[in-house]
Amino acid sequence: MAGRVDQNHHWRAIFPSRFAASSRSKIARRSGPPLTLRPFGSVAPDPVHLVGASAREWFRPTIRRPAMPAIGYVTKDENGTFKGQLRTLSIRAEIAIVPNTNKARTVQPDYRVLSSDVEIGAGWNRRAETSGRDYVSLSLAAPEFGPRRLYANLGRVPGDDERFAIIWNPAD
């Protein structure tokens, strides 16, 4: 049909790979944009009115960072002790991360991790290579964790200067 106007010419400009010829049928397949590209609760504007940068901004996919696997949150006291709760699927325990006042050598931990006056781990002060931020690297071991150690990092919660998150750091 020579006089027929292509109804999909706007979508072809935005999603050229969606209208590529099929290797089986040599006929251009029609497929609309993915539904996930539109912000939640909004209505897509008529593509005829989208031009230039506004079209690219509207259909740009949202990039989400994966959620951090926080296994607990603590707050810091004025004496440098962190107090809070360690929470996993099977464990809920009040913990205290206290400075190691008996540290004699640099290889000894900077912090001791206690739960009900039982030592369950240790922590070392570290500095991130890329951001230069300070954090505490934790190593935890208890019968409840099984035969392996639990590794985690203690760092500030973004946007909250008083809370610190215990972020699980899988060993493998």
N, C-alpha and C. Protein backbone atom coordinates (compact mmCIF):
# COMPACT_ATOMS: atom_id res chain seq x y z
N MET A 1 0.84 -1.18 0.00
CA MET A 1 0.00 0.00 0.00
C MET A 1 0.88 1.23 0.00
N ALA A 2 0.95 1.86 -1.15
CA ALA A 2 1.86 2.98 -1.30
C ALA A 2 1.41 4.21 -0.53
N GLY A 3 0.11 4.44 -0.40
CA GLY A 3 -0.37 5.64 0.24
C GLY A 3 -0.49 5.54 1.76
N ARG A 4 -0.21 4.36 2.33
CA ARG A 4 -0.39 4.16 3.77
C ARG A 4 0.79 4.75 4.56
N VAL A 5 0.49 5.48 5.64
CA VAL A 5 1.53 6.09 6.49
C VAL A 5 1.93 5.06 7.55
N ASP A 6 3.23 4.97 7.78
CA ASP A 6 3.73 4.05 8.80
C ASP A 6 3.33 4.56 10.18
N GLN A 7 2.52 3.78 10.89
CA GLN A 7 2.02 4.17 12.21
C GLN A 7 3.11 4.10 13.29
N ASN A 8 4.21 3.42 13.02
CA ASN A 8 5.22 3.17 14.04
C ASN A 8 6.49 3.99 13.84
N HIS A 9 6.48 4.99 13.01
CA HIS A 9 7.73 5.68 12.71
C HIS A 9 8.31 6.38 13.95
N HIS A 10 7.48 6.80 14.90
CA HIS A 10 7.99 7.42 16.12
C HIS A 10 8.68 6.40 17.02
N TRP A 11 8.07 5.21 17.13
CA TRP A 11 8.66 4.18 17.96
C TRP A 11 9.94 3.65 17.33
N ARG A 12 10.01 3.61 15.99
CA ARG A 12 11.22 3.15 15.32
C ARG A 12 12.42 4.04 15.65
N ALA A 13 12.17 5.33 15.80
CA ALA A 13 13.27 6.25 16.10
C ALA A 13 13.79 6.03 17.52
N ILE A 14 12.91 5.67 18.44
CA ILE A 14 13.31 5.50 19.83
C ILE A 14 13.82 4.10 20.10
N PHE A 15 13.17 3.08 19.52
CA PHE A 15 13.53 1.69 19.74
C PHE A 15 13.81 1.00 18.41
N PRO A 16 14.96 1.28 17.77
CA PRO A 16 15.21 0.70 16.46
C PRO A 16 15.33 -0.82 16.48
N SER A 17 15.85 -1.39 17.57
CA SER A 17 16.02 -2.84 17.60
C SER A 17 14.68 -3.57 17.73
N ARG A 18 13.65 -2.91 18.21
CA ARG A 18 12.34 -3.52 18.34
C ARG A 18 11.69 -3.75 16.99
N PHE A 19 12.10 -2.99 15.97
CA PHE A 19 11.49 -3.09 14.66
C PHE A 19 12.43 -3.69 13.63
N ALA A 20 13.47 -4.36 14.10
CA ALA A 20 14.42 -4.99 13.19
C ALA A 20 13.74 -6.16 12.49
N ALA A 21 14.20 -6.45 11.30
CA ALA A 21 13.61 -7.55 10.53
C ALA A 21 13.89 -8.87 11.22
N SER A 22 12.92 -9.73 11.25
CA SER A 22 13.05 -11.04 11.85
C SER A 22 13.89 -11.92 10.94
N SER A 23 14.73 -12.76 11.50
CA SER A 23 15.55 -13.66 10.70
C SER A 23 14.72 -14.77 10.09
N ARG A 24 13.54 -15.04 10.63
CA ARG A 24 12.69 -16.11 10.11
C ARG A 24 11.75 -15.63 9.01
N SER A 25 11.20 -14.44 9.14
CA SER A 25 10.14 -14.06 8.22
C SER A 25 10.46 -12.85 7.36
N LYS A 26 11.55 -12.17 7.57
CA LYS A 26 11.92 -10.99 6.81
C LYS A 26 10.85 -9.90 6.84
N ILE A 27 9.93 -9.99 7.78
CA ILE A 27 8.90 -8.96 7.94
C ILE A 27 9.20 -8.23 9.24
N ALA A 28 9.11 -6.92 9.20
CA ALA A 28 9.38 -6.15 10.42
C ALA A 28 8.33 -6.49 11.47
N ARG A 29 8.79 -6.86 12.66
CA ARG A 29 7.85 -7.18 13.71
C ARG A 29 7.53 -5.92 14.51
N ARG A 30 6.31 -5.78 14.91
CA ARG A 30 5.87 -4.62 15.67
C ARG A 30 5.86 -4.97 17.15
N SER A 31 6.49 -4.12 17.91
CA SER A 31 6.49 -4.30 19.36
C SER A 31 6.61 -2.93 19.99
N GLY A 32 5.80 -2.67 20.95
CA GLY A 32 5.82 -1.37 21.63
C GLY A 32 6.94 -1.30 22.64
N PRO A 33 7.06 -0.18 23.33
CA PRO A 33 8.12 -0.02 24.32
C PRO A 33 7.82 -0.88 25.55
N PRO A 34 8.85 -1.27 26.29
CA PRO A 34 8.63 -2.02 27.52
C PRO A 34 7.85 -1.17 28.52
N LEU A 35 6.99 -1.79 29.26
CA LEU A 35 6.18 -1.06 30.23
C LEU A 35 6.99 -0.51 31.38
N THR A 36 8.16 -1.08 31.65
CA THR A 36 8.95 -0.64 32.79
C THR A 36 9.66 0.69 32.56
N LEU A 37 9.63 1.21 31.37
CA LEU A 37 10.32 2.46 31.09
C LEU A 37 9.54 3.69 31.54
N ARG A 38 8.28 3.54 31.81
CA ARG A 38 7.44 4.66 32.19
C ARG A 38 7.44 4.81 33.71
N PRO A 39 7.57 6.03 34.25
CA PRO A 39 7.51 6.20 35.70
C PRO A 39 6.17 5.71 36.23
N PHE A 40 6.19 5.16 37.45
CA PHE A 40 5.00 4.58 38.05
C PHE A 40 3.90 5.63 38.20
N GLY A 41 2.70 5.28 37.81
CA GLY A 41 1.55 6.15 37.99
C GLY A 41 1.42 7.25 36.96
N SER A 42 2.26 7.25 35.95
CA SER A 42 2.18 8.31 34.96
C SER A 42 1.63 7.77 33.65
N VAL A 43 1.16 8.65 32.82
CA VAL A 43 0.61 8.29 31.52
C VAL A 43 1.62 8.70 30.47
N ALA A 44 1.88 7.81 29.54
CA ALA A 44 2.84 8.12 28.48
C ALA A 44 2.29 9.21 27.58
N PRO A 45 3.09 10.21 27.26
CA PRO A 45 2.62 11.25 26.36
C PRO A 45 2.53 10.73 24.93
N ASP A 46 1.81 11.43 24.12
CA ASP A 46 1.69 11.07 22.71
C ASP A 46 3.07 11.22 22.07
N PRO A 47 3.61 10.17 21.42
CA PRO A 47 4.96 10.25 20.87
C PRO A 47 5.13 11.30 19.79
N VAL A 48 4.04 11.77 19.19
CA VAL A 48 4.15 12.80 18.16
C VAL A 48 4.69 14.09 18.76
N HIS A 49 4.38 14.35 20.02
CA HIS A 49 4.79 15.59 20.66
C HIS A 49 6.17 15.52 21.31
N LEU A 50 6.76 14.33 21.33
CA LEU A 50 8.09 14.18 21.92
C LEU A 50 9.14 14.44 20.86
N VAL A 51 10.04 15.34 21.12
CA VAL A 51 11.12 15.63 20.19
C VAL A 51 12.42 15.78 20.95
N GLY A 52 13.51 15.41 20.33
CA GLY A 52 14.85 15.64 20.87
C GLY A 52 15.08 15.04 22.24
N ALA A 53 15.63 15.84 23.14
CA ALA A 53 16.04 15.36 24.46
C ALA A 53 14.86 14.94 25.31
N SER A 54 13.69 15.55 25.14
CA SER A 54 12.56 15.19 25.99
C SER A 54 12.14 13.74 25.76
N ALA A 55 12.25 13.26 24.53
CA ALA A 55 11.91 11.86 24.25
C ALA A 55 12.92 10.93 24.91
N ARG A 56 14.19 11.28 24.85
CA ARG A 56 15.21 10.44 25.47
C ARG A 56 15.05 10.43 26.99
N GLU A 57 14.72 11.56 27.59
CA GLU A 57 14.55 11.61 29.03
C GLU A 57 13.33 10.82 29.48
N TRP A 58 12.24 10.88 28.71
CA TRP A 58 11.02 10.19 29.11
C TRP A 58 11.19 8.68 29.07
N PHE A 59 11.89 8.16 28.07
CA PHE A 59 11.99 6.72 27.89
C PHE A 59 13.30 6.14 28.41
N ARG A 60 14.06 6.91 29.16
CA ARG A 60 15.29 6.40 29.74
C ARG A 60 14.94 5.43 30.86
N PRO A 61 15.50 4.22 30.84
CA PRO A 61 15.17 3.27 31.90
C PRO A 61 15.75 3.75 33.24
N THR A 62 15.04 3.48 34.31
CA THR A 62 15.50 3.84 35.64
C THR A 62 16.53 2.83 36.09
N ILE A 63 17.69 3.32 36.48
CA ILE A 63 18.76 2.44 36.95
C ILE A 63 18.69 2.40 38.46
N ARG A 64 18.49 1.21 39.00
CA ARG A 64 18.42 1.06 40.44
C ARG A 64 19.63 0.29 40.92
N ARG A 65 20.18 0.75 42.04
CA ARG A 65 21.24 -0.01 42.66
C ARG A 65 20.61 -1.10 43.51
N PRO A 66 21.25 -2.26 43.59
CA PRO A 66 20.67 -3.31 44.41
C PRO A 66 20.64 -2.89 45.88
N ALA A 67 19.64 -3.36 46.59
CA ALA A 67 19.52 -3.04 47.99
C ALA A 67 20.67 -3.66 48.76
N MET A 68 21.18 -2.91 49.70
CA MET A 68 22.28 -3.41 50.52
C MET A 68 21.72 -4.40 51.52
N PRO A 69 22.39 -5.54 51.68
CA PRO A 69 21.90 -6.55 52.61
C PRO A 69 22.26 -6.21 54.05
N ALA A 70 21.58 -5.25 54.65
CA ALA A 70 21.86 -4.84 56.02
C ALA A 70 21.35 -5.91 56.97
N ILE A 71 22.21 -6.36 57.87
CA ILE A 71 21.82 -7.37 58.85
C ILE A 71 21.73 -6.76 60.24
N GLY A 72 21.75 -5.44 60.31
CA GLY A 72 21.59 -4.79 61.60
C GLY A 72 21.91 -3.31 61.52
N TYR A 73 21.48 -2.61 62.54
CA TYR A 73 21.74 -1.18 62.66
C TYR A 73 22.19 -0.88 64.08
N VAL A 74 23.12 0.05 64.21
CA VAL A 74 23.64 0.44 65.52
C VAL A 74 23.77 1.96 65.57
N THR A 75 23.86 2.48 66.78
CA THR A 75 24.15 3.90 66.99
C THR A 75 25.43 4.01 67.82
N LYS A 76 26.11 5.13 67.68
CA LYS A 76 27.39 5.31 68.35
C LYS A 76 27.22 6.19 69.58
N ASP A 77 27.75 5.72 70.71
CA ASP A 77 27.73 6.49 71.95
C ASP A 77 28.87 7.49 71.96
N GLU A 78 28.85 8.37 72.95
CA GLU A 78 29.92 9.37 73.04
C GLU A 78 31.26 8.76 73.40
N ASN A 79 31.29 7.55 73.99
CA ASN A 79 32.57 6.91 74.33
C ASN A 79 33.10 6.02 73.20
N GLY A 80 32.45 6.03 72.02
CA GLY A 80 32.92 5.27 70.87
C GLY A 80 32.34 3.88 70.75
N THR A 81 31.41 3.50 71.64
CA THR A 81 30.77 2.19 71.59
C THR A 81 29.55 2.24 70.67
N PHE A 82 29.43 1.22 69.83
CA PHE A 82 28.26 1.09 68.96
C PHE A 82 27.29 0.11 69.63
N LYS A 83 26.02 0.48 69.73
CA LYS A 83 25.02 -0.40 70.32
C LYS A 83 23.83 -0.50 69.39
N GLY A 84 23.30 -1.72 69.26
CA GLY A 84 22.15 -1.92 68.40
C GLY A 84 21.76 -3.37 68.34
N GLN A 85 21.23 -3.79 67.20
CA GLN A 85 20.71 -5.13 67.05
C GLN A 85 21.23 -5.77 65.77
N LEU A 86 21.60 -7.05 65.88
CA LEU A 86 21.97 -7.87 64.74
C LEU A 86 20.75 -8.69 64.38
N ARG A 87 20.32 -8.60 63.10
CA ARG A 87 19.09 -9.29 62.69
C ARG A 87 19.34 -10.06 61.40
N THR A 88 19.13 -11.36 61.47
CA THR A 88 19.13 -12.21 60.28
C THR A 88 17.81 -12.97 60.30
N LEU A 89 17.64 -13.91 59.37
CA LEU A 89 16.40 -14.67 59.33
C LEU A 89 16.17 -15.48 60.61
N SER A 90 17.25 -15.97 61.21
CA SER A 90 17.10 -16.82 62.39
C SER A 90 17.65 -16.21 63.67
N ILE A 91 18.28 -15.06 63.59
CA ILE A 91 18.94 -14.48 64.77
C ILE A 91 18.46 -13.05 64.99
N ARG A 92 18.13 -12.74 66.23
CA ARG A 92 17.85 -11.38 66.67
C ARG A 92 18.58 -11.21 67.99
N ALA A 93 19.65 -10.44 67.97
CA ALA A 93 20.48 -10.31 69.17
C ALA A 93 20.92 -8.86 69.36
N GLU A 94 20.85 -8.41 70.60
CA GLU A 94 21.40 -7.11 70.95
C GLU A 94 22.92 -7.25 70.96
N ILE A 95 23.60 -6.30 70.32
CA ILE A 95 25.06 -6.36 70.26
C ILE A 95 25.66 -5.03 70.68
N ALA A 96 26.91 -5.10 71.08
CA ALA A 96 27.70 -3.91 71.39
C ALA A 96 29.06 -4.08 70.72
N ILE A 97 29.48 -3.07 70.01
CA ILE A 97 30.79 -3.08 69.37
C ILE A 97 31.63 -2.05 70.13
N VAL A 98 32.51 -2.55 70.99
CA VAL A 98 33.24 -1.69 71.92
C VAL A 98 34.69 -1.55 71.49
N PRO A 99 35.29 -0.37 71.70
CA PRO A 99 36.71 -0.19 71.35
C PRO A 99 37.59 -1.13 72.18
N ASN A 100 38.62 -1.66 71.55
CA ASN A 100 39.56 -2.55 72.21
C ASN A 100 40.61 -1.70 72.92
N THR A 101 40.45 -1.51 74.22
CA THR A 101 41.38 -0.66 74.98
C THR A 101 42.69 -1.38 75.27
N ASN A 102 42.73 -2.71 75.12
CA ASN A 102 43.94 -3.49 75.41
C ASN A 102 44.77 -3.77 74.15
N LYS A 103 44.53 -3.03 73.08
CA LYS A 103 45.25 -3.27 71.83
C LYS A 103 46.71 -2.89 72.00
N ALA A 104 47.61 -3.88 71.76
CA ALA A 104 49.04 -3.65 71.93
C ALA A 104 49.77 -3.65 70.59
N ARG A 105 49.24 -4.35 69.58
CA ARG A 105 49.88 -4.42 68.27
C ARG A 105 48.88 -4.03 67.20
N THR A 106 49.40 -3.68 66.02
CA THR A 106 48.54 -3.23 64.93
C THR A 106 47.68 -4.35 64.35
N VAL A 107 48.07 -5.61 64.51
CA VAL A 107 47.30 -6.71 63.97
C VAL A 107 46.11 -7.07 64.85
N GLN A 108 46.10 -6.60 66.08
CA GLN A 108 44.97 -6.88 66.97
C GLN A 108 43.77 -6.02 66.56
N PRO A 109 42.56 -6.51 66.83
CA PRO A 109 41.36 -5.77 66.41
C PRO A 109 41.20 -4.43 67.15
N ASP A 110 40.57 -3.49 66.44
CA ASP A 110 40.27 -2.18 67.03
C ASP A 110 39.00 -2.23 67.87
N TYR A 111 38.13 -3.21 67.60
CA TYR A 111 36.86 -3.34 68.31
C TYR A 111 36.62 -4.79 68.68
N ARG A 112 35.85 -4.99 69.74
CA ARG A 112 35.34 -6.31 70.15
C ARG A 112 33.83 -6.28 69.99
N VAL A 113 33.26 -7.34 69.44
CA VAL A 113 31.82 -7.42 69.25
C VAL A 113 31.26 -8.35 70.32
N LEU A 114 30.34 -7.81 71.14
CA LEU A 114 29.78 -8.55 72.27
C LEU A 114 28.27 -8.68 72.13
N SER A 115 27.76 -9.82 72.59
CA SER A 115 26.32 -10.03 72.70
C SER A 115 26.08 -10.67 74.06
N SER A 116 25.38 -9.97 74.93
CA SER A 116 25.13 -10.45 76.29
C SER A 116 26.43 -10.80 77.00
N ASP A 117 27.42 -9.93 76.91
CA ASP A 117 28.74 -10.09 77.53
C ASP A 117 29.52 -11.29 77.01
N VAL A 118 29.13 -11.85 75.87
CA VAL A 118 29.87 -12.93 75.23
C VAL A 118 30.47 -12.37 73.95
N GLU A 119 31.78 -12.56 73.80
CA GLU A 119 32.44 -12.05 72.60
C GLU A 119 32.11 -12.94 71.41
N ILE A 120 31.55 -12.32 70.37
CA ILE A 120 31.18 -13.08 69.17
C ILE A 120 31.97 -12.64 67.94
N GLY A 121 32.85 -11.65 68.09
CA GLY A 121 33.61 -11.22 66.93
C GLY A 121 34.53 -10.06 67.24
N ALA A 122 35.11 -9.53 66.16
CA ALA A 122 36.07 -8.43 66.27
C ALA A 122 35.91 -7.52 65.06
N GLY A 123 36.47 -6.32 65.16
CA GLY A 123 36.39 -5.36 64.07
C GLY A 123 37.67 -4.58 63.91
N TRP A 124 37.98 -4.24 62.66
CA TRP A 124 39.19 -3.49 62.33
C TRP A 124 38.81 -2.24 61.57
N ASN A 125 39.45 -1.12 61.90
CA ASN A 125 39.23 0.13 61.16
C ASN A 125 39.86 0.01 59.79
N ARG A 126 39.11 0.42 58.77
CA ARG A 126 39.58 0.39 57.38
C ARG A 126 39.19 1.68 56.69
N ARG A 127 39.84 1.95 55.56
CA ARG A 127 39.50 3.11 54.74
C ARG A 127 39.24 2.62 53.31
N ALA A 128 38.11 3.03 52.75
CA ALA A 128 37.75 2.61 51.39
C ALA A 128 38.74 3.20 50.39
N GLU A 129 39.17 2.37 49.44
CA GLU A 129 40.15 2.82 48.45
C GLU A 129 39.56 3.85 47.50
N THR A 130 38.33 3.65 47.06
CA THR A 130 37.76 4.54 46.05
C THR A 130 37.19 5.82 46.64
N SER A 131 36.45 5.72 47.76
CA SER A 131 35.81 6.92 48.31
C SER A 131 36.62 7.58 49.41
N GLY A 132 37.53 6.84 50.03
CA GLY A 132 38.32 7.39 51.12
C GLY A 132 37.56 7.46 52.45
N ARG A 133 36.39 6.86 52.52
CA ARG A 133 35.59 6.88 53.75
C ARG A 133 36.06 5.80 54.71
N ASP A 134 35.93 6.09 56.00
CA ASP A 134 36.30 5.12 57.03
C ASP A 134 35.12 4.19 57.31
N TYR A 135 35.44 2.94 57.58
CA TYR A 135 34.43 1.97 57.98
C TYR A 135 35.10 0.95 58.88
N VAL A 136 34.32 0.07 59.48
CA VAL A 136 34.84 -0.99 60.35
C VAL A 136 34.53 -2.33 59.68
N SER A 137 35.55 -3.14 59.48
CA SER A 137 35.40 -4.47 58.92
C SER A 137 35.19 -5.44 60.08
N LEU A 138 34.05 -6.15 60.07
CA LEU A 138 33.70 -7.05 61.18
C LEU A 138 33.85 -8.50 60.77
N SER A 139 34.25 -9.33 61.72
CA SER A 139 34.30 -10.77 61.56
C SER A 139 33.58 -11.36 62.76
N LEU A 140 32.49 -12.10 62.50
CA LEU A 140 31.66 -12.64 63.57
C LEU A 140 31.64 -14.16 63.51
N ALA A 141 31.66 -14.80 64.69
CA ALA A 141 31.59 -16.26 64.76
C ALA A 141 30.81 -16.64 66.01
N ALA A 142 29.84 -17.51 65.83
CA ALA A 142 29.04 -18.02 66.94
C ALA A 142 28.42 -19.34 66.48
N PRO A 143 28.06 -20.21 67.41
CA PRO A 143 27.43 -21.48 67.01
C PRO A 143 26.16 -21.28 66.17
N GLU A 144 25.44 -20.18 66.40
CA GLU A 144 24.22 -19.91 65.64
C GLU A 144 24.50 -19.65 64.17
N PHE A 145 25.71 -19.22 63.83
CA PHE A 145 26.08 -18.94 62.45
C PHE A 145 26.50 -20.19 61.70
N GLY A 146 26.67 -21.29 62.40
CA GLY A 146 27.14 -22.52 61.78
C GLY A 146 28.66 -22.57 61.77
N PRO A 147 29.24 -23.43 60.92
CA PRO A 147 30.69 -23.62 60.95
C PRO A 147 31.49 -22.49 60.30
N ARG A 148 30.82 -21.55 59.64
CA ARG A 148 31.55 -20.49 58.93
C ARG A 148 31.44 -19.17 59.67
N ARG A 149 32.40 -18.31 59.40
CA ARG A 149 32.37 -16.95 59.95
C ARG A 149 31.43 -16.08 59.13
N LEU A 150 30.92 -15.06 59.76
CA LEU A 150 30.07 -14.08 59.10
C LEU A 150 30.89 -12.80 58.97
N TYR A 151 31.07 -12.32 57.75
CA TYR A 151 31.83 -11.09 57.52
C TYR A 151 30.86 -9.96 57.19
N ALA A 152 31.16 -8.78 57.73
CA ALA A 152 30.28 -7.63 57.51
C ALA A 152 31.11 -6.36 57.61
N ASN A 153 30.55 -5.28 57.10
CA ASN A 153 31.16 -3.96 57.22
C ASN A 153 30.21 -3.05 57.96
N LEU A 154 30.76 -2.18 58.78
CA LEU A 154 29.98 -1.23 59.54
C LEU A 154 30.26 0.16 58.98
N GLY A 155 29.23 0.79 58.45
CA GLY A 155 29.39 2.11 57.86
C GLY A 155 28.17 2.98 58.10
N ARG A 156 28.32 4.26 57.86
CA ARG A 156 27.22 5.21 58.08
C ARG A 156 26.07 4.95 57.12
N VAL A 157 24.87 5.15 57.64
CA VAL A 157 23.67 5.07 56.81
C VAL A 157 23.60 6.37 56.02
N PRO A 158 23.47 6.32 54.69
CA PRO A 158 23.40 7.55 53.91
C PRO A 158 22.23 8.44 54.35
N GLY A 159 22.52 9.69 54.59
CA GLY A 159 21.49 10.65 54.97
C GLY A 159 21.18 10.66 56.46
N ASP A 160 21.85 9.82 57.25
CA ASP A 160 21.60 9.76 58.69
C ASP A 160 22.94 9.70 59.40
N ASP A 161 23.31 10.77 60.09
CA ASP A 161 24.63 10.84 60.73
C ASP A 161 24.71 10.06 62.03
N GLU A 162 23.57 9.65 62.59
CA GLU A 162 23.58 8.98 63.88
C GLU A 162 23.55 7.46 63.78
N ARG A 163 23.04 6.91 62.68
CA ARG A 163 22.90 5.46 62.55
C ARG A 163 24.00 4.88 61.67
N PHE A 164 24.37 3.67 61.99
CA PHE A 164 25.35 2.91 61.23
C PHE A 164 24.71 1.58 60.84
N ALA A 165 24.99 1.12 59.63
CA ALA A 165 24.44 -0.14 59.14
C ALA A 165 25.51 -1.22 59.17
N ILE A 166 25.09 -2.42 59.55
CA ILE A 166 25.97 -3.59 59.47
C ILE A 166 25.59 -4.27 58.16
N ILE A 167 26.50 -4.20 57.20
CA ILE A 167 26.26 -4.71 55.85
C ILE A 167 26.96 -6.05 55.69
N TRP A 168 26.16 -7.08 55.39
CA TRP A 168 26.71 -8.42 55.19
C TRP A 168 27.64 -8.42 54.00
N ASN A 169 28.80 -9.03 54.16
CA ASN A 169 29.81 -9.11 53.12
C ASN A 169 30.10 -10.59 52.88
N PRO A 170 29.43 -11.21 51.90
CA PRO A 170 29.65 -12.65 51.67
C PRO A 170 31.10 -12.95 51.37
N ALA A 171 31.60 -14.03 51.97
CA ALA A 171 33.01 -14.41 51.78
C ALA A 171 33.24 -14.96 50.38
N ASP A 172 32.25 -15.63 49.79
CA ASP A 172 32.45 -16.16 48.45
C ASP A 172 31.44 -15.67 47.48
